[in-house]
Amino acid sequence: MEKNRFRAIMLLIFAGIAVSVWQFGFVEAIYSSSNVSPNEETNLQNDRQWRFNVSNLTLENATFAGGCFWCIEGAYMGVRGVESAISGYAGGEASTATYEQVLTGETNHREAVRVRYYPSVVSYSELLDIFWRSIDPTDPGGQFSDRGFQYTTAIYIHNERQRELAIDSRENLSESGRFDEPIVTKIKNYTTFFRAEDYHQNYSKKNTAQYKAYERASGRKGFVNRVWDKSPLG
């Protein structure tokens, strides 16, 4: 009799523990969901949908030279529809390119960024807009404090459609009256691209403090804020 009573008591205890655990989990779930704002929940759903659909999308390349590649790479990182932004050296005739070689200004390479993107998510025209908003397109000798051919601006086109869009975009900017000086950014055929050394990749993320200090000291950040100030292109 005593054994049966003990067994019954233990069953009741375990049942109570199980109910408490279930209730705690249920309350936690409600509490967690209640702390997610409608906008955050929408963003989470969009991100989940984006990750789900991305495997079915086609990737394309776009290549931009806008002075120091840290800043151009940083401009594209985090842009929805951009799969990657790689710093490197574009153009030139040499079979290889390193930072030290390109730094001489004698190899005809420019510091550039190759962007791999999903055109069904972000258009090439939108990438061009980001590019223009990151540079001084009127500077023929470099960008801001960085001087020399390797820092001059160019758009390296991968196909005829990109050429048409790049030319139209440059003409629209030229006719906008935003700049007093002529637009000197070149539009060139994409030929070669050498990936830069690892310590240059993702620089704005890996060395955030140094990157922000450079961006300010070079004059780029002040110029971009002053000239664009979030106003539309054109």
C-alpha atoms as a PDB file:
ATOM      1  CA  MET A   1       0.000   0.000   0.000  1.00  0.00           C
ATOM      2  CA  GLU A   2       2.787   2.409   0.957  1.00  0.00           C
ATOM      3  CA  LYS A   3       4.625   1.612  -2.260  1.00  0.00           C
ATOM      4  CA  ASN A   4       1.534   2.409  -4.347  1.00  0.00           C
ATOM      5  CA  ARG A   5       1.063   5.704  -2.505  1.00  0.00           C
ATOM      6  CA  PHE A   6       4.715   6.636  -3.066  1.00  0.00           C
ATOM      7  CA  ARG A   7       4.415   5.764  -6.748  1.00  0.00           C
ATOM      8  CA  ALA A   8       1.288   7.925  -7.086  1.00  0.00           C
ATOM      9  CA  ILE A   9       2.936  10.883  -5.346  1.00  0.00           C
ATOM     10  CA  MET A  10       6.004  10.663  -7.612  1.00  0.00           C
ATOM     11  CA  LEU A  11       3.796  10.558 -10.720  1.00  0.00           C
ATOM     12  CA  LEU A  12       1.989  13.701  -9.564  1.00  0.00           C
ATOM     13  CA  ILE A  13       5.295  15.479  -8.922  1.00  0.00           C
ATOM     14  CA  PHE A  14       6.671  14.611 -12.354  1.00  0.00           C
ATOM     15  CA  ALA A  15       3.406  15.634 -13.992  1.00  0.00           C
ATOM     16  CA  GLY A  16       3.567  19.002 -12.228  1.00  0.00           C
ATOM     17  CA  ILE A  17       7.152  19.559 -13.342  1.00  0.00           C
ATOM     18  CA  ALA A  18       6.249  18.736 -16.942  1.00  0.00           C
ATOM     19  CA  VAL A  19       3.347  21.205 -16.925  1.00  0.00           C
ATOM     20  CA  SER A  20       5.548  23.927 -15.427  1.00  0.00           C
ATOM     21  CA  VAL A  21       8.229  23.406 -18.038  1.00  0.00           C
ATOM     22  CA  TRP A  22       5.646  23.563 -20.832  1.00  0.00           C
ATOM     23  CA  GLN A  23       4.099  26.732 -19.394  1.00  0.00           C
ATOM     24  CA  PHE A  24       7.491  28.382 -19.002  1.00  0.00           C
ATOM     25  CA  GLY A  25       8.371  27.625 -22.603  1.00  0.00           C
ATOM     26  CA  PHE A  26       5.004  28.913 -23.783  1.00  0.00           C
ATOM     27  CA  VAL A  27       5.387  32.146 -21.811  1.00  0.00           C
ATOM     28  CA  GLU A  28       8.933  32.581 -23.068  1.00  0.00           C
ATOM     29  CA  ALA A  29       7.736  32.178 -26.643  1.00  0.00           C
ATOM     30  CA  ILE A  30       5.028  34.801 -26.121  1.00  0.00           C
ATOM     31  CA  TYR A  31       7.472  37.156 -24.404  1.00  0.00           C
ATOM     32  CA  SER A  32      10.070  36.775 -27.149  1.00  0.00           C
ATOM     33  CA  SER A  33       7.595  37.392 -29.931  1.00  0.00           C
ATOM     34  CA  SER A  34       6.085  40.362 -28.111  1.00  0.00           C
ATOM     35  CA  ASN A  35       9.492  42.062 -28.065  1.00  0.00           C
ATOM     36  CA  VAL A  36       9.834  41.974 -31.870  1.00  0.00           C
ATOM     37  CA  SER A  37       8.397  45.092 -33.468  1.00  0.00           C
ATOM     38  CA  PRO A  38       6.235  44.796 -36.611  1.00  0.00           C
ATOM     39  CA  ASN A  39       9.022  46.313 -38.713  1.00  0.00           C
ATOM     40  CA  GLU A  40      11.612  43.931 -37.270  1.00  0.00           C
ATOM     41  CA  GLU A  41       9.322  40.966 -37.882  1.00  0.00           C
ATOM     42  CA  THR A  42       8.787  42.092 -41.482  1.00  0.00           C
ATOM     43  CA  ASN A  43      12.538  42.416 -41.959  1.00  0.00           C
ATOM     44  CA  LEU A  44      13.092  38.960 -40.483  1.00  0.00           C
ATOM     45  CA  GLN A  45      10.482  37.480 -42.798  1.00  0.00           C
ATOM     46  CA  ASN A  46      12.010  39.265 -45.794  1.00  0.00           C
ATOM     47  CA  ASP A  47      15.484  38.029 -44.870  1.00  0.00           C
ATOM     48  CA  ARG A  48      14.219  34.462 -44.523  1.00  0.00           C
ATOM     49  CA  GLN A  49      12.458  34.730 -47.882  1.00  0.00           C
ATOM     50  CA  TRP A  50      15.608  36.234 -49.435  1.00  0.00           C
ATOM     51  CA  ARG A  51      17.764  33.375 -48.178  1.00  0.00           C
ATOM     52  CA  PHE A  52      15.200  30.843 -49.378  1.00  0.00           C
ATOM     53  CA  ASN A  53      14.976  32.271 -52.906  1.00  0.00           C
ATOM     54  CA  VAL A  54      18.606  33.233 -53.490  1.00  0.00           C
ATOM     55  CA  SER A  55      19.646  29.783 -54.708  1.00  0.00           C
ATOM     56  CA  ASN A  56      17.374  30.181 -57.734  1.00  0.00           C
ATOM     57  CA  LEU A  57      18.788  33.539 -58.859  1.00  0.00           C
ATOM     58  CA  THR A  58      21.433  34.339 -61.467  1.00  0.00           C
ATOM     59  CA  LEU A  59      24.622  36.164 -60.502  1.00  0.00           C
ATOM     60  CA  GLU A  60      26.329  38.847 -62.596  1.00  0.00           C
ATOM     61  CA  ASN A  61      29.522  40.876 -62.192  1.00  0.00           C
ATOM     62  CA  ALA A  62      30.096  44.613 -62.062  1.00  0.00           C
ATOM     63  CA  THR A  63      33.486  46.270 -61.590  1.00  0.00           C
ATOM     64  CA  PHE A  64      34.162  49.793 -60.337  1.00  0.00           C
ATOM     65  CA  ALA A  65      37.358  51.763 -59.717  1.00  0.00           C
ATOM     66  CA  GLY A  66      36.824  54.668 -57.359  1.00  0.00           C
ATOM     67  CA  GLY A  67      40.117  55.366 -55.668  1.00  0.00           C
ATOM     68  CA  CYS A  68      40.974  53.445 -52.516  1.00  0.00           C
ATOM     69  CA  PHE A  69      39.191  50.125 -52.835  1.00  0.00           C
ATOM     70  CA  TRP A  70      38.460  49.966 -49.109  1.00  0.00           C
ATOM     71  CA  CYS A  71      35.851  52.694 -49.542  1.00  0.00           C
ATOM     72  CA  ILE A  72      34.237  51.325 -52.700  1.00  0.00           C
ATOM     73  CA  GLU A  73      34.076  47.847 -51.209  1.00  0.00           C
ATOM     74  CA  GLY A  74      32.529  49.306 -48.065  1.00  0.00           C
ATOM     75  CA  ALA A  75      29.882  51.128 -50.110  1.00  0.00           C
ATOM     76  CA  TYR A  76      28.566  47.844 -51.531  1.00  0.00           C
ATOM     77  CA  MET A  77      28.841  45.642 -48.470  1.00  0.00           C
ATOM     78  CA  GLY A  78      25.437  45.005 -46.967  1.00  0.00           C
ATOM     79  CA  VAL A  79      23.525  46.140 -50.049  1.00  0.00           C
ATOM     80  CA  ARG A  80      20.560  43.832 -50.574  1.00  0.00           C
ATOM     81  CA  GLY A  81      21.171  41.769 -53.702  1.00  0.00           C
ATOM     82  CA  VAL A  82      24.970  42.034 -53.519  1.00  0.00           C
ATOM     83  CA  GLU A  83      26.509  38.610 -52.971  1.00  0.00           C
ATOM     84  CA  SER A  84      30.102  39.840 -52.565  1.00  0.00           C
ATOM     85  CA  ALA A  85      32.386  42.824 -53.068  1.00  0.00           C
ATOM     86  CA  ILE A  86      36.034  41.940 -53.696  1.00  0.00           C
ATOM     87  CA  SER A  87      38.914  44.420 -53.645  1.00  0.00           C
ATOM     88  CA  GLY A  88      41.491  44.023 -56.389  1.00  0.00           C
ATOM     89  CA  TYR A  89      43.369  45.481 -59.341  1.00  0.00           C
ATOM     90  CA  ALA A  90      41.671  45.986 -62.709  1.00  0.00           C
ATOM     91  CA  GLY A  91      43.069  46.626 -66.168  1.00  0.00           C
ATOM     92  CA  GLY A  92      46.766  46.736 -66.908  1.00  0.00           C
ATOM     93  CA  GLU A  93      48.862  44.514 -69.115  1.00  0.00           C
ATOM     94  CA  ALA A  94      50.936  42.637 -66.543  1.00  0.00           C
ATOM     95  CA  SER A  95      50.185  38.982 -65.882  1.00  0.00           C
ATOM     96  CA  THR A  96      50.126  39.606 -62.122  1.00  0.00           C
ATOM     97  CA  ALA A  97      49.434  42.511 -59.824  1.00  0.00           C
ATOM     98  CA  THR A  98      50.292  43.127 -56.185  1.00  0.00           C
ATOM     99  CA  TYR A  99      49.710  46.143 -53.991  1.00  0.00           C
ATOM    100  CA  GLU A 100      53.371  47.108 -54.113  1.00  0.00           C
ATOM    101  CA  GLN A 101      53.479  46.849 -57.918  1.00  0.00           C
ATOM    102  CA  VAL A 102      50.283  48.816 -58.459  1.00  0.00           C
ATOM    103  CA  LEU A 103      51.338  51.444 -55.926  1.00  0.00           C
ATOM    104  CA  THR A 104      54.114  52.556 -58.277  1.00  0.00           C
ATOM    105  CA  GLY A 105      51.476  53.788 -60.719  1.00  0.00           C
ATOM    106  CA  GLU A 106      53.388  52.206 -63.581  1.00  0.00           C
ATOM    107  CA  THR A 107      51.383  49.019 -64.170  1.00  0.00           C
ATOM    108  CA  ASN A 108      48.216  50.668 -65.594  1.00  0.00           C
ATOM    109  CA  HIS A 109      46.117  48.902 -62.990  1.00  0.00           C
ATOM    110  CA  ARG A 110      43.516  50.697 -60.934  1.00  0.00           C
ATOM    111  CA  GLU A 111      42.398  49.778 -57.459  1.00  0.00           C
ATOM    112  CA  ALA A 112      38.922  48.409 -58.104  1.00  0.00           C
ATOM    113  CA  VAL A 113      36.100  46.372 -56.629  1.00  0.00           C
ATOM    114  CA  ARG A 114      34.357  43.502 -58.380  1.00  0.00           C
ATOM    115  CA  VAL A 115      30.755  43.215 -57.261  1.00  0.00           C
ATOM    116  CA  ARG A 116      28.843  39.968 -57.678  1.00  0.00           C
ATOM    117  CA  TYR A 117      25.145  40.709 -57.564  1.00  0.00           C
ATOM    118  CA  TYR A 118      21.681  39.377 -58.312  1.00  0.00           C
ATOM    119  CA  PRO A 119      20.206  41.648 -61.039  1.00  0.00           C
ATOM    120  CA  SER A 120      16.676  40.542 -60.192  1.00  0.00           C
ATOM    121  CA  VAL A 121      17.181  41.993 -56.698  1.00  0.00           C
ATOM    122  CA  VAL A 122      19.434  45.014 -57.282  1.00  0.00           C
ATOM    123  CA  SER A 123      19.821  46.555 -60.731  1.00  0.00           C
ATOM    124  CA  TYR A 124      23.029  47.633 -62.423  1.00  0.00           C
ATOM    125  CA  SER A 125      21.649  51.185 -62.490  1.00  0.00           C
ATOM    126  CA  GLU A 126      21.346  51.078 -58.706  1.00  0.00           C
ATOM    127  CA  LEU A 127      24.946  49.898 -58.438  1.00  0.00           C
ATOM    128  CA  LEU A 128      25.992  52.823 -60.645  1.00  0.00           C
ATOM    129  CA  ASP A 129      24.130  55.206 -58.368  1.00  0.00           C
ATOM    130  CA  ILE A 130      26.014  53.857 -55.349  1.00  0.00           C
ATOM    131  CA  PHE A 131      29.289  54.251 -57.233  1.00  0.00           C
ATOM    132  CA  TRP A 132      28.714  57.896 -58.195  1.00  0.00           C
ATOM    133  CA  ARG A 133      27.709  58.719 -54.635  1.00  0.00           C
ATOM    134  CA  SER A 134      31.024  57.344 -53.335  1.00  0.00           C
ATOM    135  CA  ILE A 135      33.478  59.297 -55.516  1.00  0.00           C
ATOM    136  CA  ASP A 136      34.501  62.653 -56.952  1.00  0.00           C
ATOM    137  CA  PRO A 137      33.962  61.982 -60.678  1.00  0.00           C
ATOM    138  CA  THR A 138      35.630  65.264 -61.678  1.00  0.00           C
ATOM    139  CA  ASP A 139      39.113  64.420 -60.342  1.00  0.00           C
ATOM    140  CA  PRO A 140      41.494  63.338 -63.146  1.00  0.00           C
ATOM    141  CA  GLY A 141      44.477  62.671 -60.887  1.00  0.00           C
ATOM    142  CA  GLY A 142      43.162  60.277 -58.258  1.00  0.00           C
ATOM    143  CA  GLN A 143      40.660  60.463 -55.438  1.00  0.00           C
ATOM    144  CA  PHE A 144      40.921  62.847 -52.517  1.00  0.00           C
ATOM    145  CA  SER A 145      44.242  62.365 -50.702  1.00  0.00           C
ATOM    146  CA  ASP A 146      45.208  59.368 -52.866  1.00  0.00           C
ATOM    147  CA  ARG A 147      47.013  60.509 -55.994  1.00  0.00           C
ATOM    148  CA  GLY A 148      48.191  58.619 -59.065  1.00  0.00           C
ATOM    149  CA  PHE A 149      46.737  56.637 -61.952  1.00  0.00           C
ATOM    150  CA  GLN A 150      45.966  53.658 -59.729  1.00  0.00           C
ATOM    151  CA  TYR A 151      43.445  55.805 -57.844  1.00  0.00           C
ATOM    152  CA  THR A 152      41.645  57.291 -60.849  1.00  0.00           C
ATOM    153  CA  THR A 153      38.000  56.410 -61.445  1.00  0.00           C
ATOM    154  CA  ALA A 154      36.615  54.029 -64.046  1.00  0.00           C
ATOM    155  CA  ILE A 155      33.665  51.770 -64.731  1.00  0.00           C
ATOM    156  CA  TYR A 156      34.715  48.416 -66.192  1.00  0.00           C
ATOM    157  CA  ILE A 157      31.823  47.053 -68.205  1.00  0.00           C
ATOM    158  CA  HIS A 158      31.207  43.316 -68.645  1.00  0.00           C
ATOM    159  CA  ASN A 159      28.695  43.497 -71.506  1.00  0.00           C
ATOM    160  CA  GLU A 160      27.014  45.903 -73.915  1.00  0.00           C
ATOM    161  CA  ARG A 161      24.010  46.431 -71.681  1.00  0.00           C
ATOM    162  CA  GLN A 162      26.285  47.630 -68.904  1.00  0.00           C
ATOM    163  CA  ARG A 163      28.025  49.935 -71.381  1.00  0.00           C
ATOM    164  CA  GLU A 164      24.735  51.545 -72.399  1.00  0.00           C
ATOM    165  CA  LEU A 165      23.630  52.024 -68.813  1.00  0.00           C
ATOM    166  CA  ALA A 166      27.019  53.376 -67.741  1.00  0.00           C
ATOM    167  CA  ILE A 167      27.123  55.904 -70.603  1.00  0.00           C
ATOM    168  CA  ASP A 168      23.563  57.046 -69.918  1.00  0.00           C
ATOM    169  CA  SER A 169      24.282  57.337 -66.218  1.00  0.00           C
ATOM    170  CA  ARG A 170      27.431  59.394 -66.801  1.00  0.00           C
ATOM    171  CA  GLU A 171      25.617  61.690 -69.237  1.00  0.00           C
ATOM    172  CA  ASN A 172      22.753  62.203 -66.803  1.00  0.00           C
ATOM    173  CA  LEU A 173      25.188  63.123 -64.059  1.00  0.00           C
ATOM    174  CA  SER A 174      27.072  65.483 -66.368  1.00  0.00           C
ATOM    175  CA  GLU A 175      23.856  67.246 -67.377  1.00  0.00           C
ATOM    176  CA  SER A 176      22.521  67.442 -63.833  1.00  0.00           C
ATOM    177  CA  GLY A 177      24.530  70.546 -62.997  1.00  0.00           C
ATOM    178  CA  ARG A 178      25.699  68.991 -59.757  1.00  0.00           C
ATOM    179  CA  PHE A 179      29.356  69.550 -60.635  1.00  0.00           C
ATOM    180  CA  ASP A 180      31.020  72.615 -62.114  1.00  0.00           C
ATOM    181  CA  GLU A 181      33.893  70.588 -63.561  1.00  0.00           C
ATOM    182  CA  PRO A 182      33.476  67.934 -66.281  1.00  0.00           C
ATOM    183  CA  ILE A 183      32.969  64.272 -65.404  1.00  0.00           C
ATOM    184  CA  VAL A 184      36.224  62.441 -66.158  1.00  0.00           C
ATOM    185  CA  THR A 185      35.360  58.890 -65.022  1.00  0.00           C
ATOM    186  CA  LYS A 186      36.328  56.441 -67.773  1.00  0.00           C
ATOM    187  CA  ILE A 187      34.163  53.639 -69.130  1.00  0.00           C
ATOM    188  CA  LYS A 188      36.415  50.720 -70.053  1.00  0.00           C
ATOM    189  CA  ASN A 189      36.016  47.132 -71.176  1.00  0.00           C
ATOM    190  CA  TYR A 190      36.611  44.641 -68.401  1.00  0.00           C
ATOM    191  CA  THR A 191      39.745  42.634 -69.167  1.00  0.00           C
ATOM    192  CA  THR A 192      41.567  41.395 -66.094  1.00  0.00           C
ATOM    193  CA  PHE A 193      41.048  41.545 -62.370  1.00  0.00           C
ATOM    194  CA  PHE A 194      43.506  40.404 -59.722  1.00  0.00           C
ATOM    195  CA  ARG A 195      42.188  39.856 -56.230  1.00  0.00           C
ATOM    196  CA  ALA A 196      43.989  42.031 -53.693  1.00  0.00           C
ATOM    197  CA  GLU A 197      45.813  40.664 -50.689  1.00  0.00           C
ATOM    198  CA  ASP A 198      43.690  39.235 -47.875  1.00  0.00           C
ATOM    199  CA  TYR A 199      44.432  42.095 -45.492  1.00  0.00           C
ATOM    200  CA  HIS A 200      42.650  44.449 -47.909  1.00  0.00           C
ATOM    201  CA  GLN A 201      39.462  42.375 -48.042  1.00  0.00           C
ATOM    202  CA  ASN A 202      36.488  43.420 -45.870  1.00  0.00           C
ATOM    203  CA  TYR A 203      38.663  46.191 -44.504  1.00  0.00           C
ATOM    204  CA  SER A 204      35.780  48.378 -43.353  1.00  0.00           C
ATOM    205  CA  LYS A 205      34.467  45.493 -41.234  1.00  0.00           C
ATOM    206  CA  LYS A 206      37.728  44.056 -39.950  1.00  0.00           C
ATOM    207  CA  ASN A 207      39.342  47.419 -39.170  1.00  0.00           C
ATOM    208  CA  THR A 208      36.361  49.670 -38.579  1.00  0.00           C
ATOM    209  CA  ALA A 209      38.108  52.346 -36.493  1.00  0.00           C
ATOM    210  CA  GLN A 210      41.029  52.691 -38.911  1.00  0.00           C
ATOM    211  CA  TYR A 211      38.674  52.709 -41.885  1.00  0.00           C
ATOM    212  CA  LYS A 212      36.490  55.476 -40.474  1.00  0.00           C
ATOM    213  CA  ALA A 213      39.554  57.535 -39.561  1.00  0.00           C
ATOM    214  CA  TYR A 214      40.939  57.152 -43.088  1.00  0.00           C
ATOM    215  CA  GLU A 215      37.572  57.956 -44.672  1.00  0.00           C
ATOM    216  CA  ARG A 216      37.435  61.231 -42.742  1.00  0.00           C
ATOM    217  CA  ALA A 217      41.105  62.177 -43.071  1.00  0.00           C
ATOM    218  CA  SER A 218      41.208  61.528 -46.821  1.00  0.00           C
ATOM    219  CA  GLY A 219      38.375  63.998 -47.404  1.00  0.00           C
ATOM    220  CA  ARG A 220      36.066  61.444 -49.007  1.00  0.00           C
ATOM    221  CA  LYS A 221      33.433  61.358 -46.274  1.00  0.00           C
ATOM    222  CA  GLY A 222      33.145  65.133 -46.064  1.00  0.00           C
ATOM    223  CA  PHE A 223      32.909  65.458 -49.847  1.00  0.00           C
ATOM    224  CA  VAL A 224      30.236  62.788 -50.184  1.00  0.00           C
ATOM    225  CA  ASN A 225      28.139  64.261 -47.374  1.00  0.00           C
ATOM    226  CA  ARG A 226      28.468  67.774 -48.754  1.00  0.00           C
ATOM    227  CA  VAL A 227      27.805  67.003 -52.427  1.00  0.00           C
ATOM    228  CA  TRP A 228      25.149  64.330 -52.158  1.00  0.00           C
ATOM    229  CA  ASP A 229      23.427  64.831 -48.812  1.00  0.00           C
ATOM    230  CA  LYS A 230      21.020  61.974 -49.674  1.00  0.00           C
ATOM    231  CA  SER A 231      19.579  63.944 -52.593  1.00  0.00           C
ATOM    232  CA  PRO A 232      18.554  62.005 -55.737  1.00  0.00           C
ATOM    233  CA  LEU A 233      20.909  61.546 -58.658  1.00  0.00           C
ATOM    234  CA  GLY A 234      20.391  64.056 -61.460  1.00  0.00           C
END
